[in-house]
Amino acid sequence: MTQQPVTNVHLTSPVARVIITELRTADHTTETGGLLLGHHTHDTVTVHHAGTPGPAAVRTPTYFLRDLAHAQALADEAFASDGNIWVGEWHTHPTGRPIPSARDAVTYRQLLDHTELGGFIEQ
């Protein structure tokens, strides 16, 4: 079944709290972020869980790579408890303009081309 293109994204209050807490406590000289878990219904993605970087995350002023084991544990727990799946990622840009970087665009294209995710993400 092909999903409709996403035109709305809803962050639940718990998700906003996770992101805000991370932003308040993070080192503001390096990027931070995490994964987003939720579901896609019609034209809306509702995000029910947000991840944090995790202890083994790579964080520099211009690069962020989440801790995969940390993210996978959160994803497994969310799927088992309420069926939520990966719907995206979030991260900061402490330097430069707050727009997607060239690296962000390449990463997003790779995610769109990913065989397991490609059926979920509308191209």
PDB file of N, CA and C in Angstrom:
ATOM      1  N   MET A   1       0.838  -1.172   0.000  1.00  0.00           N
ATOM      2  CA  MET A   1       0.000   0.000   0.000  1.00  0.00           C
ATOM      3  C   MET A   1       0.888   1.243   0.000  1.00  0.00           C
ATOM      4  N   THR A   2       0.662   2.148  -0.905  1.00  0.00           N
ATOM      5  CA  THR A   2       1.442   3.375  -0.982  1.00  0.00           C
ATOM      6  C   THR A   2       0.830   4.423  -0.076  1.00  0.00           C
ATOM      7  N   GLN A   3       1.648   5.030   0.759  1.00  0.00           N
ATOM      8  CA  GLN A   3       1.186   6.090   1.646  1.00  0.00           C
ATOM      9  C   GLN A   3       1.047   7.389   0.872  1.00  0.00           C
ATOM     10  N   GLN A   4       0.168   8.272   1.353  1.00  0.00           N
ATOM     11  CA  GLN A   4       0.073   9.613   0.804  1.00  0.00           C
ATOM     12  C   GLN A   4       1.321  10.395   1.207  1.00  0.00           C
ATOM     13  N   PRO A   5       1.691  11.390   0.402  1.00  0.00           N
ATOM     14  CA  PRO A   5       2.821  12.240   0.807  1.00  0.00           C
ATOM     15  C   PRO A   5       2.520  12.913   2.150  1.00  0.00           C
ATOM     16  N   VAL A   6       3.550  13.096   2.928  1.00  0.00           N
ATOM     17  CA  VAL A   6       3.398  13.722   4.246  1.00  0.00           C
ATOM     18  C   VAL A   6       3.302  15.236   4.069  1.00  0.00           C
ATOM     19  N   THR A   7       2.215  15.804   4.580  1.00  0.00           N
ATOM     20  CA  THR A   7       2.053  17.262   4.583  1.00  0.00           C
ATOM     21  C   THR A   7       1.942  17.817   5.990  1.00  0.00           C
ATOM     22  N   ASN A   8       1.792  16.933   6.981  1.00  0.00           N
ATOM     23  CA  ASN A   8       1.697  17.346   8.381  1.00  0.00           C
ATOM     24  C   ASN A   8       2.563  16.433   9.244  1.00  0.00           C
ATOM     25  N   VAL A   9       3.246  17.033  10.205  1.00  0.00           N
ATOM     26  CA  VAL A   9       4.006  16.269  11.185  1.00  0.00           C
ATOM     27  C   VAL A   9       3.556  16.735  12.561  1.00  0.00           C
ATOM     28  N   HIS A  10       3.145  15.787  13.371  1.00  0.00           N
ATOM     29  CA  HIS A  10       2.682  16.104  14.727  1.00  0.00           C
ATOM     30  C   HIS A  10       3.660  15.495  15.727  1.00  0.00           C
ATOM     31  N   LEU A  11       4.250  16.348  16.566  1.00  0.00           N
ATOM     32  CA  LEU A  11       5.110  15.888  17.650  1.00  0.00           C
ATOM     33  C   LEU A  11       4.265  15.850  18.914  1.00  0.00           C
ATOM     34  N   THR A  12       4.220  14.705  19.574  1.00  0.00           N
ATOM     35  CA  THR A  12       3.491  14.614  20.829  1.00  0.00           C
ATOM     36  C   THR A  12       4.258  15.351  21.928  1.00  0.00           C
ATOM     37  N   SER A  13       3.581  15.656  23.011  1.00  0.00           N
ATOM     38  CA  SER A  13       4.222  16.359  24.132  1.00  0.00           C
ATOM     39  C   SER A  13       5.433  15.607  24.679  1.00  0.00           C
ATOM     40  N   PRO A  14       5.357  14.271  24.856  1.00  0.00           N
ATOM     41  CA  PRO A  14       6.557  13.567  25.343  1.00  0.00           C
ATOM     42  C   PRO A  14       7.751  13.722  24.394  1.00  0.00           C
ATOM     43  N   VAL A  15       7.502  13.745  23.098  1.00  0.00           N
ATOM     44  CA  VAL A  15       8.585  13.920  22.124  1.00  0.00           C
ATOM     45  C   VAL A  15       9.201  15.310  22.275  1.00  0.00           C
ATOM     46  N   ALA A  16       8.355  16.308  22.364  1.00  0.00           N
ATOM     47  CA  ALA A  16       8.862  17.673  22.540  1.00  0.00           C
ATOM     48  C   ALA A  16       9.701  17.780  23.807  1.00  0.00           C
ATOM     49  N   ARG A  17       9.259  17.127  24.891  1.00  0.00           N
ATOM     50  CA  ARG A  17      10.020  17.168  26.152  1.00  0.00           C
ATOM     51  C   ARG A  17      11.393  16.521  26.005  1.00  0.00           C
ATOM     52  N   VAL A  18      11.469  15.380  25.306  1.00  0.00           N
ATOM     53  CA  VAL A  18      12.765  14.713  25.100  1.00  0.00           C
ATOM     54  C   VAL A  18      13.714  15.634  24.341  1.00  0.00           C
ATOM     55  N   ILE A  19      13.231  16.230  23.262  1.00  0.00           N
ATOM     56  CA  ILE A  19      14.084  17.095  22.438  1.00  0.00           C
ATOM     57  C   ILE A  19      14.491  18.343  23.216  1.00  0.00           C
ATOM     58  N   ILE A  20      13.540  18.974  23.899  1.00  0.00           N
ATOM     59  CA  ILE A  20      13.852  20.182  24.673  1.00  0.00           C
ATOM     60  C   ILE A  20      14.852  19.873  25.782  1.00  0.00           C
ATOM     61  N   THR A  21      14.681  18.762  26.463  1.00  0.00           N
ATOM     62  CA  THR A  21      15.627  18.378  27.526  1.00  0.00           C
ATOM     63  C   THR A  21      17.019  18.173  26.950  1.00  0.00           C
ATOM     64  N   GLU A  22      17.100  17.494  25.818  1.00  0.00           N
ATOM     65  CA  GLU A  22      18.406  17.287  25.172  1.00  0.00           C
ATOM     66  C   GLU A  22      19.022  18.627  24.786  1.00  0.00           C
ATOM     67  N   LEU A  23      18.219  19.521  24.241  1.00  0.00           N
ATOM     68  CA  LEU A  23      18.742  20.826  23.829  1.00  0.00           C
ATOM     69  C   LEU A  23      19.226  21.644  25.027  1.00  0.00           C
ATOM     70  N   ARG A  24      18.559  21.533  26.142  1.00  0.00           N
ATOM     71  CA  ARG A  24      18.950  22.284  27.330  1.00  0.00           C
ATOM     72  C   ARG A  24      20.235  21.753  27.959  1.00  0.00           C
ATOM     73  N   THR A  25      20.466  20.449  27.835  1.00  0.00           N
ATOM     74  CA  THR A  25      21.604  19.838  28.520  1.00  0.00           C
ATOM     75  C   THR A  25      22.792  19.552  27.607  1.00  0.00           C
ATOM     76  N   ALA A  26      22.619  19.682  26.313  1.00  0.00           N
ATOM     77  CA  ALA A  26      23.677  19.329  25.348  1.00  0.00           C
ATOM     78  C   ALA A  26      24.789  20.365  25.318  1.00  0.00           C
ATOM     79  N   ASP A  27      25.933  19.922  24.858  1.00  0.00           N
ATOM     80  CA  ASP A  27      27.059  20.803  24.558  1.00  0.00           C
ATOM     81  C   ASP A  27      26.662  21.593  23.313  1.00  0.00           C
ATOM     82  N   HIS A  28      26.510  22.885  23.432  1.00  0.00           N
ATOM     83  CA  HIS A  28      26.016  23.698  22.323  1.00  0.00           C
ATOM     84  C   HIS A  28      27.064  24.009  21.265  1.00  0.00           C
ATOM     85  N   THR A  29      28.249  23.428  21.395  1.00  0.00           N
ATOM     86  CA  THR A  29      29.269  23.632  20.369  1.00  0.00           C
ATOM     87  C   THR A  29      29.295  22.485  19.362  1.00  0.00           C
ATOM     88  N   THR A  30      28.542  21.410  19.655  1.00  0.00           N
ATOM     89  CA  THR A  30      28.502  20.262  18.746  1.00  0.00           C
ATOM     90  C   THR A  30      27.055  19.906  18.417  1.00  0.00           C
ATOM     91  N   GLU A  31      26.871  19.242  17.293  1.00  0.00           N
ATOM     92  CA  GLU A  31      25.541  18.802  16.906  1.00  0.00           C
ATOM     93  C   GLU A  31      25.049  17.713  17.858  1.00  0.00           C
ATOM     94  N   THR A  32      23.743  17.632  18.013  1.00  0.00           N
ATOM     95  CA  THR A  32      23.114  16.572  18.776  1.00  0.00           C
ATOM     96  C   THR A  32      21.846  16.163  18.048  1.00  0.00           C
ATOM     97  N   GLY A  33      21.268  15.040  18.425  1.00  0.00           N
ATOM     98  CA  GLY A  33      20.046  14.605  17.763  1.00  0.00           C
ATOM     99  C   GLY A  33      19.658  13.208  18.175  1.00  0.00           C
ATOM    100  N   GLY A  34      18.802  12.600  17.380  1.00  0.00           N
ATOM    101  CA  GLY A  34      18.331  11.255  17.653  1.00  0.00           C
ATOM    102  C   GLY A  34      17.303  10.829  16.618  1.00  0.00           C
ATOM    103  N   LEU A  35      16.727   9.663  16.826  1.00  0.00           N
ATOM    104  CA  LEU A  35      15.747   9.178  15.870  1.00  0.00           C
ATOM    105  C   LEU A  35      14.344   9.573  16.304  1.00  0.00           C
ATOM    106  N   LEU A  36      13.398   9.456  15.356  1.00  0.00           N
ATOM    107  CA  LEU A  36      11.995   9.748  15.595  1.00  0.00           C
ATOM    108  C   LEU A  36      11.191   8.508  15.233  1.00  0.00           C
ATOM    109  N   LEU A  37      10.304   8.099  16.128  1.00  0.00           N
ATOM    110  CA  LEU A  37       9.496   6.898  15.930  1.00  0.00           C
ATOM    111  C   LEU A  37       8.027   7.267  16.037  1.00  0.00           C
ATOM    112  N   GLY A  38       7.224   6.725  15.165  1.00  0.00           N
ATOM    113  CA  GLY A  38       5.805   7.029  15.185  1.00  0.00           C
ATOM    114  C   GLY A  38       5.068   6.248  14.125  1.00  0.00           C
ATOM    115  N   HIS A  39       4.059   6.881  13.524  1.00  0.00           N
ATOM    116  CA  HIS A  39       3.313   6.224  12.453  1.00  0.00           C
ATOM    117  C   HIS A  39       2.816   7.244  11.434  1.00  0.00           C
ATOM    118  N   HIS A  40       2.540   6.747  10.243  1.00  0.00           N
ATOM    119  CA  HIS A  40       2.128   7.551   9.094  1.00  0.00           C
ATOM    120  C   HIS A  40       0.697   7.147   8.759  1.00  0.00           C
ATOM    121  N   THR A  41      -0.236   8.089   8.906  1.00  0.00           N
ATOM    122  CA  THR A  41      -1.628   7.848   8.584  1.00  0.00           C
ATOM    123  C   THR A  41      -2.094   8.941   7.635  1.00  0.00           C
ATOM    124  N   HIS A  42      -2.585   8.535   6.477  1.00  0.00           N
ATOM    125  CA  HIS A  42      -3.017   9.481   5.450  1.00  0.00           C
ATOM    126  C   HIS A  42      -1.861  10.418   5.120  1.00  0.00           C
ATOM    127  N   ASP A  43      -2.022  11.722   5.368  1.00  0.00           N
ATOM    128  CA  ASP A  43      -0.966  12.687   5.032  1.00  0.00           C
ATOM    129  C   ASP A  43      -0.190  13.161   6.262  1.00  0.00           C
ATOM    130  N   THR A  44      -0.362  12.473   7.392  1.00  0.00           N
ATOM    131  CA  THR A  44       0.228  12.942   8.651  1.00  0.00           C
ATOM    132  C   THR A  44       1.151  11.895   9.273  1.00  0.00           C
ATOM    133  N   VAL A  45       2.313  12.352   9.703  1.00  0.00           N
ATOM    134  CA  VAL A  45       3.195  11.527  10.531  1.00  0.00           C
ATOM    135  C   VAL A  45       3.045  12.033  11.955  1.00  0.00           C
ATOM    136  N   THR A  46       2.720  11.119  12.850  1.00  0.00           N
ATOM    137  CA  THR A  46       2.645  11.447  14.274  1.00  0.00           C
ATOM    138  C   THR A  46       3.846  10.800  14.944  1.00  0.00           C
ATOM    139  N   VAL A  47       4.653  11.626  15.600  1.00  0.00           N
ATOM    140  CA  VAL A  47       5.866  11.156  16.261  1.00  0.00           C
ATOM    141  C   VAL A  47       5.547  10.940  17.741  1.00  0.00           C
ATOM    142  N   HIS A  48       5.709   9.695  18.195  1.00  0.00           N
ATOM    143  CA  HIS A  48       5.409   9.329  19.573  1.00  0.00           C
ATOM    144  C   HIS A  48       6.653   9.153  20.433  1.00  0.00           C
ATOM    145  N   HIS A  49       7.815   8.946  19.810  1.00  0.00           N
ATOM    146  CA  HIS A  49       9.057   8.723  20.561  1.00  0.00           C
ATOM    147  C   HIS A  49      10.196   9.468  19.868  1.00  0.00           C
ATOM    148  N   ALA A  50      11.026  10.119  20.662  1.00  0.00           N
ATOM    149  CA  ALA A  50      12.232  10.774  20.139  1.00  0.00           C
ATOM    150  C   ALA A  50      13.428  10.207  20.881  1.00  0.00           C
ATOM    151  N   GLY A  51      14.465   9.914  20.133  1.00  0.00           N
ATOM    152  CA  GLY A  51      15.689   9.423  20.740  1.00  0.00           C
ATOM    153  C   GLY A  51      16.644  10.547  21.072  1.00  0.00           C
ATOM    154  N   THR A  52      17.602  10.214  21.884  1.00  0.00           N
ATOM    155  CA  THR A  52      18.712  11.107  22.205  1.00  0.00           C
ATOM    156  C   THR A  52      19.954  10.537  21.516  1.00  0.00           C
ATOM    157  N   PRO A  53      21.078  11.242  21.553  1.00  0.00           N
ATOM    158  CA  PRO A  53      22.242  10.778  20.806  1.00  0.00           C
ATOM    159  C   PRO A  53      22.755   9.400  21.221  1.00  0.00           C
ATOM    160  N   GLY A  54      22.726   9.115  22.518  1.00  0.00           N
ATOM    161  CA  GLY A  54      23.291   7.865  23.026  1.00  0.00           C
ATOM    162  C   GLY A  54      24.744   8.049  23.398  1.00  0.00           C
ATOM    163  N   PRO A  55      25.266   7.180  24.253  1.00  0.00           N
ATOM    164  CA  PRO A  55      26.615   7.350  24.788  1.00  0.00           C
ATOM    165  C   PRO A  55      27.732   7.211  23.759  1.00  0.00           C
ATOM    166  N   ALA A  56      27.506   6.490  22.672  1.00  0.00           N
ATOM    167  CA  ALA A  56      28.562   6.309  21.677  1.00  0.00           C
ATOM    168  C   ALA A  56      28.352   7.175  20.427  1.00  0.00           C
ATOM    169  N   ALA A  57      27.505   8.194  20.527  1.00  0.00           N
ATOM    170  CA  ALA A  57      27.261   9.074  19.383  1.00  0.00           C
ATOM    171  C   ALA A  57      28.523   9.850  19.018  1.00  0.00           C
ATOM    172  N   VAL A  58      28.645  10.171  17.734  1.00  0.00           N
ATOM    173  CA  VAL A  58      29.735  11.013  17.244  1.00  0.00           C
ATOM    174  C   VAL A  58      29.152  12.409  17.068  1.00  0.00           C
ATOM    175  N   ARG A  59      29.755  13.378  17.756  1.00  0.00           N
ATOM    176  CA  ARG A  59      29.244  14.741  17.727  1.00  0.00           C
ATOM    177  C   ARG A  59      30.393  15.709  17.497  1.00  0.00           C
ATOM    178  N   THR A  60      30.299  16.485  16.413  1.00  0.00           N
ATOM    179  CA  THR A  60      31.273  17.543  16.145  1.00  0.00           C
ATOM    180  C   THR A  60      30.477  18.817  15.851  1.00  0.00           C
ATOM    181  N   PRO A  61      31.152  19.946  15.643  1.00  0.00           N
ATOM    182  CA  PRO A  61      30.418  21.168  15.319  1.00  0.00           C
ATOM    183  C   PRO A  61      29.615  21.084  14.011  1.00  0.00           C
ATOM    184  N   THR A  62      30.021  20.184  13.114  1.00  0.00           N
ATOM    185  CA  THR A  62      29.344  20.119  11.813  1.00  0.00           C
ATOM    186  C   THR A  62      28.872  18.717  11.439  1.00  0.00           C
ATOM    187  N   TYR A  63      28.844  17.793  12.386  1.00  0.00           N
ATOM    188  CA  TYR A  63      28.494  16.416  12.064  1.00  0.00           C
ATOM    189  C   TYR A  63      27.885  15.736  13.279  1.00  0.00           C
ATOM    190  N   PHE A  64      26.878  14.897  13.020  1.00  0.00           N
ATOM    191  CA  PHE A  64      26.257  14.111  14.076  1.00  0.00           C
ATOM    192  C   PHE A  64      25.971  12.711  13.545  1.00  0.00           C
ATOM    193  N   LEU A  65      26.331  11.707  14.321  1.00  0.00           N
ATOM    194  CA  LEU A  65      25.985  10.319  14.012  1.00  0.00           C
ATOM    195  C   LEU A  65      25.520   9.683  15.311  1.00  0.00           C
ATOM    196  N   ARG A  66      24.229   9.349  15.357  1.00  0.00           N
ATOM    197  CA  ARG A  66      23.658   8.786  16.585  1.00  0.00           C
ATOM    198  C   ARG A  66      24.288   7.442  16.910  1.00  0.00           C
ATOM    199  N   ASP A  67      24.195   7.070  18.160  1.00  0.00           N
ATOM    200  CA  ASP A  67      24.655   5.779  18.668  1.00  0.00           C
ATOM    201  C   ASP A  67      23.654   4.733  18.169  1.00  0.00           C
ATOM    202  N   LEU A  68      24.068   3.903  17.221  1.00  0.00           N
ATOM    203  CA  LEU A  68      23.168   2.957  16.584  1.00  0.00           C
ATOM    204  C   LEU A  68      22.573   1.960  17.576  1.00  0.00           C
ATOM    205  N   ALA A  69      23.375   1.426  18.486  1.00  0.00           N
ATOM    206  CA  ALA A  69      22.854   0.457  19.457  1.00  0.00           C
ATOM    207  C   ALA A  69      21.805   1.109  20.362  1.00  0.00           C
ATOM    208  N   HIS A  70      22.056   2.323  20.777  1.00  0.00           N
ATOM    209  CA  HIS A  70      21.119   3.080  21.606  1.00  0.00           C
ATOM    210  C   HIS A  70      19.807   3.308  20.846  1.00  0.00           C
ATOM    211  N   ALA A  71      19.920   3.729  19.594  1.00  0.00           N
ATOM    212  CA  ALA A  71      18.734   3.979  18.769  1.00  0.00           C
ATOM    213  C   ALA A  71      17.967   2.688  18.501  1.00  0.00           C
ATOM    214  N   GLN A  72      18.679   1.608  18.231  1.00  0.00           N
ATOM    215  CA  GLN A  72      18.024   0.329  17.945  1.00  0.00           C
ATOM    216  C   GLN A  72      17.255  -0.175  19.156  1.00  0.00           C
ATOM    217  N   ALA A  73      17.819   0.001  20.353  1.00  0.00           N
ATOM    218  CA  ALA A  73      17.127  -0.426  21.567  1.00  0.00           C
ATOM    219  C   ALA A  73      15.822   0.351  21.748  1.00  0.00           C
ATOM    220  N   LEU A  74      15.856   1.664  21.510  1.00  0.00           N
ATOM    221  CA  LEU A  74      14.641   2.473  21.610  1.00  0.00           C
ATOM    222  C   LEU A  74      13.630   2.046  20.551  1.00  0.00           C
ATOM    223  N   ALA A  75      14.094   1.815  19.329  1.00  0.00           N
ATOM    224  CA  ALA A  75      13.200   1.398  18.245  1.00  0.00           C
ATOM    225  C   ALA A  75      12.558   0.047  18.551  1.00  0.00           C
ATOM    226  N   ASP A  76      13.338  -0.890  19.050  1.00  0.00           N
ATOM    227  CA  ASP A  76      12.797  -2.215  19.392  1.00  0.00           C
ATOM    228  C   ASP A  76      11.746  -2.103  20.492  1.00  0.00           C
ATOM    229  N   GLU A  77      12.041  -1.297  21.504  1.00  0.00           N
ATOM    230  CA  GLU A  77      11.109  -1.118  22.620  1.00  0.00           C
ATOM    231  C   GLU A  77       9.809  -0.460  22.142  1.00  0.00           C
ATOM    232  N   ALA A  78       9.921   0.573  21.324  1.00  0.00           N
ATOM    233  CA  ALA A  78       8.731   1.274  20.830  1.00  0.00           C
ATOM    234  C   ALA A  78       7.886   0.369  19.943  1.00  0.00           C
ATOM    235  N   PHE A  79       8.525  -0.401  19.089  1.00  0.00           N
ATOM    236  CA  PHE A  79       7.769  -1.297  18.212  1.00  0.00           C
ATOM    237  C   PHE A  79       7.046  -2.365  19.020  1.00  0.00           C
ATOM    238  N   ALA A  80       7.741  -2.930  20.009  1.00  0.00           N
ATOM    239  CA  ALA A  80       7.131  -3.977  20.835  1.00  0.00           C
ATOM    240  C   ALA A  80       5.977  -3.439  21.677  1.00  0.00           C
ATOM    241  N   SER A  81       6.102  -2.207  22.164  1.00  0.00           N
ATOM    242  CA  SER A  81       5.072  -1.685  23.063  1.00  0.00           C
ATOM    243  C   SER A  81       3.878  -1.092  22.334  1.00  0.00           C
ATOM    244  N   ASP A  82       4.103  -0.421  21.195  1.00  0.00           N
ATOM    245  CA  ASP A  82       2.975   0.240  20.550  1.00  0.00           C
ATOM    246  C   ASP A  82       3.020   0.234  19.022  1.00  0.00           C
ATOM    247  N   GLY A  83       3.926  -0.545  18.439  1.00  0.00           N
ATOM    248  CA  GLY A  83       3.976  -0.686  16.988  1.00  0.00           C
ATOM    249  C   GLY A  83       4.546   0.496  16.240  1.00  0.00           C
ATOM    250  N   ASN A  84       5.125   1.476  16.948  1.00  0.00           N
ATOM    251  CA  ASN A  84       5.700   2.632  16.265  1.00  0.00           C
ATOM    252  C   ASN A  84       6.977   2.238  15.543  1.00  0.00           C
ATOM    253  N   ILE A  85       7.207   2.881  14.407  1.00  0.00           N
ATOM    254  CA  ILE A  85       8.354   2.584  13.558  1.00  0.00           C
ATOM    255  C   ILE A  85       9.158   3.856  13.289  1.00  0.00           C
ATOM    256  N   TRP A  86      10.328   3.673  12.675  1.00  0.00           N
ATOM    257  CA  TRP A  86      11.185   4.802  12.305  1.00  0.00           C
ATOM    258  C   TRP A  86      10.433   5.697  11.332  1.00  0.00           C
ATOM    259  N   VAL A  87      10.358   6.994  11.652  1.00  0.00           N
ATOM    260  CA  VAL A  87       9.750   7.965  10.736  1.00  0.00           C
ATOM    261  C   VAL A  87      10.708   9.097  10.409  1.00  0.00           C
ATOM    262  N   GLY A  88      11.867   9.111  11.043  1.00  0.00           N
ATOM    263  CA  GLY A  88      12.825  10.160  10.727  1.00  0.00           C
ATOM    264  C   GLY A  88      13.886  10.326  11.791  1.00  0.00           C
ATOM    265  N   GLU A  89      14.616  11.398  11.647  1.00  0.00           N
ATOM    266  CA  GLU A  89      15.712  11.749  12.546  1.00  0.00           C
ATOM    267  C   GLU A  89      15.596  13.243  12.852  1.00  0.00           C
ATOM    268  N   TRP A  90      16.198  13.653  13.935  1.00  0.00           N
ATOM    269  CA  TRP A  90      16.311  15.081  14.237  1.00  0.00           C
ATOM    270  C   TRP A  90      17.742  15.361  14.645  1.00  0.00           C
ATOM    271  N   HIS A  91      18.232  16.547  14.318  1.00  0.00           N
ATOM    272  CA  HIS A  91      19.533  16.975  14.814  1.00  0.00           C
ATOM    273  C   HIS A  91      19.657  18.485  14.702  1.00  0.00           C
ATOM    274  N   THR A  92      20.625  19.008  15.428  1.00  0.00           N
ATOM    275  CA  THR A  92      20.852  20.449  15.474  1.00  0.00           C
ATOM    276  C   THR A  92      21.986  20.849  14.545  1.00  0.00           C
ATOM    277  N   HIS A  93      22.058  22.150  14.299  1.00  0.00           N
ATOM    278  CA  HIS A  93      23.162  22.771  13.572  1.00  0.00           C
ATOM    279  C   HIS A  93      23.634  23.962  14.408  1.00  0.00           C
ATOM    280  N   PRO A  94      24.592  23.755  15.308  1.00  0.00           N
ATOM    281  CA  PRO A  94      25.019  24.864  16.161  1.00  0.00           C
ATOM    282  C   PRO A  94      25.847  25.917  15.435  1.00  0.00           C
ATOM    283  N   THR A  95      26.355  25.576  14.267  1.00  0.00           N
ATOM    284  CA  THR A  95      27.113  26.546  13.482  1.00  0.00           C
ATOM    285  C   THR A  95      26.421  26.711  12.139  1.00  0.00           C
ATOM    286  N   GLY A  96      26.534  27.875  11.568  1.00  0.00           N
ATOM    287  CA  GLY A  96      25.936  28.107  10.261  1.00  0.00           C
ATOM    288  C   GLY A  96      24.432  28.330  10.344  1.00  0.00           C
ATOM    289  N   ARG A  97      23.823  28.334   9.177  1.00  0.00           N
ATOM    290  CA  ARG A  97      22.387  28.601   9.074  1.00  0.00           C
ATOM    291  C   ARG A  97      21.576  27.358   9.434  1.00  0.00           C
ATOM    292  N   PRO A  98      20.376  27.535   9.981  1.00  0.00           N
ATOM    293  CA  PRO A  98      19.541  26.384  10.370  1.00  0.00           C
ATOM    294  C   PRO A  98      18.763  25.803   9.191  1.00  0.00           C
ATOM    295  N   ILE A  99      19.504  25.339   8.194  1.00  0.00           N
ATOM    296  CA  ILE A  99      18.907  24.709   7.023  1.00  0.00           C
ATOM    297  C   ILE A  99      19.630  23.389   6.787  1.00  0.00           C
ATOM    298  N   PRO A 100      19.001  22.449   6.065  1.00  0.00           N
ATOM    299  CA  PRO A 100      19.698  21.190   5.779  1.00  0.00           C
ATOM    300  C   PRO A 100      21.007  21.444   5.031  1.00  0.00           C
ATOM    301  N   SER A 101      22.038  20.769   5.481  1.00  0.00           N
ATOM    302  CA  SER A 101      23.341  20.880   4.827  1.00  0.00           C
ATOM    303  C   SER A 101      23.373  19.979   3.595  1.00  0.00           C
ATOM    304  N   ALA A 102      24.423  20.105   2.808  1.00  0.00           N
ATOM    305  CA  ALA A 102      24.607  19.214   1.660  1.00  0.00           C
ATOM    306  C   ALA A 102      24.696  17.767   2.140  1.00  0.00           C
ATOM    307  N   ARG A 103      25.376  17.541   3.250  1.00  0.00           N
ATOM    308  CA  ARG A 103      25.476  16.187   3.816  1.00  0.00           C
ATOM    309  C   ARG A 103      24.088  15.681   4.229  1.00  0.00           C
ATOM    310  N   ASP A 104      23.260  16.565   4.805  1.00  0.00           N
ATOM    311  CA  ASP A 104      21.897  16.177   5.177  1.00  0.00           C
ATOM    312  C   ASP A 104      21.112  15.721   3.941  1.00  0.00           C
ATOM    313  N   ALA A 105      21.248  16.451   2.845  1.00  0.00           N
ATOM    314  CA  ALA A 105      20.528  16.108   1.616  1.00  0.00           C
ATOM    315  C   ALA A 105      20.977  14.749   1.086  1.00  0.00           C
ATOM    316  N   VAL A 106      22.273  14.472   1.119  1.00  0.00           N
ATOM    317  CA  VAL A 106      22.787  13.177   0.658  1.00  0.00           C
ATOM    318  C   VAL A 106      22.263  12.062   1.564  1.00  0.00           C
ATOM    319  N   THR A 107      22.301  12.288   2.871  1.00  0.00           N
ATOM    320  CA  THR A 107      21.808  11.275   3.810  1.00  0.00           C
ATOM    321  C   THR A 107      20.338  10.999   3.574  1.00  0.00           C
ATOM    322  N   TYR A 108      19.543  12.047   3.382  1.00  0.00           N
ATOM    323  CA  TYR A 108      18.117  11.869   3.150  1.00  0.00           C
ATOM    324  C   TYR A 108      17.882  11.071   1.869  1.00  0.00           C
ATOM    325  N   ARG A 109      18.649  11.361   0.831  1.00  0.00           N
ATOM    326  CA  ARG A 109      18.515  10.623  -0.433  1.00  0.00           C
ATOM    327  C   ARG A 109      18.854   9.149  -0.205  1.00  0.00           C
ATOM    328  N   GLN A 110      19.883   8.867   0.576  1.00  0.00           N
ATOM    329  CA  GLN A 110      20.233   7.476   0.875  1.00  0.00           C
ATOM    330  C   GLN A 110      19.100   6.775   1.624  1.00  0.00           C
ATOM    331  N   LEU A 111      18.458   7.488   2.544  1.00  0.00           N
ATOM    332  CA  LEU A 111      17.335   6.907   3.273  1.00  0.00           C
ATOM    333  C   LEU A 111      16.164   6.627   2.326  1.00  0.00           C
ATOM    334  N   LEU A 112      15.911   7.538   1.396  1.00  0.00           N
ATOM    335  CA  LEU A 112      14.837   7.330   0.424  1.00  0.00           C
ATOM    336  C   LEU A 112      15.123   6.123  -0.463  1.00  0.00           C
ATOM    337  N   ASP A 113      16.398   5.903  -0.775  1.00  0.00           N
ATOM    338  CA  ASP A 113      16.789   4.791  -1.635  1.00  0.00           C
ATOM    339  C   ASP A 113      16.960   3.476  -0.879  1.00  0.00           C
ATOM    340  N   HIS A 114      16.911   3.508   0.449  1.00  0.00           N
ATOM    341  CA  HIS A 114      17.103   2.305   1.264  1.00  0.00           C
ATOM    342  C   HIS A 114      15.962   1.329   0.990  1.00  0.00           C
ATOM    343  N   THR A 115      16.297   0.084   0.686  1.00  0.00           N
ATOM    344  CA  THR A 115      15.272  -0.883   0.282  1.00  0.00           C
ATOM    345  C   THR A 115      14.242  -1.155   1.371  1.00  0.00           C
ATOM    346  N   GLU A 116      14.641  -1.185   2.634  1.00  0.00           N
ATOM    347  CA  GLU A 116      13.681  -1.450   3.708  1.00  0.00           C
ATOM    348  C   GLU A 116      12.861  -0.225   4.062  1.00  0.00           C
ATOM    349  N   LEU A 117      13.410   0.970   3.875  1.00  0.00           N
ATOM    350  CA  LEU A 117      12.691   2.192   4.211  1.00  0.00           C
ATOM    351  C   LEU A 117      11.981   2.790   3.015  1.00  0.00           C
ATOM    352  N   GLY A 118      12.429   2.475   1.820  1.00  0.00           N
ATOM    353  CA  GLY A 118      11.876   3.078   0.611  1.00  0.00           C
ATOM    354  C   GLY A 118      10.391   2.875   0.424  1.00  0.00           C
ATOM    355  N   GLY A 119       9.854   1.758   0.918  1.00  0.00           N
ATOM    356  CA  GLY A 119       8.429   1.536   0.803  1.00  0.00           C
ATOM    357  C   GLY A 119       7.621   2.368   1.769  1.00  0.00           C
ATOM    358  N   PHE A 120       8.287   2.871   2.805  1.00  0.00           N
ATOM    359  CA  PHE A 120       7.575   3.671   3.785  1.00  0.00           C
ATOM    360  C   PHE A 120       7.643   5.156   3.452  1.00  0.00           C
ATOM    361  N   ILE A 121       8.820   5.611   3.045  1.00  0.00           N
ATOM    362  CA  ILE A 121       9.013   7.029   2.795  1.00  0.00           C
ATOM    363  C   ILE A 121       8.546   7.343   1.383  1.00  0.00           C
ATOM    364  N   GLU A 122       7.676   8.297   1.249  1.00  0.00           N
ATOM    365  CA  GLU A 122       7.162   8.704  -0.054  1.00  0.00           C
ATOM    366  C   GLU A 122       8.228   9.505  -0.782  1.00  0.00           C
ATOM    367  N   GLN A 123       8.520   9.135  -2.001  1.00  0.00           N
ATOM    368  CA  GLN A 123       9.528   9.855  -2.784  1.00  0.00           C
ATOM    369  C   GLN A 123       8.893  10.878  -3.677  1.00  0.00           C
TER     370      GLN A 123
END
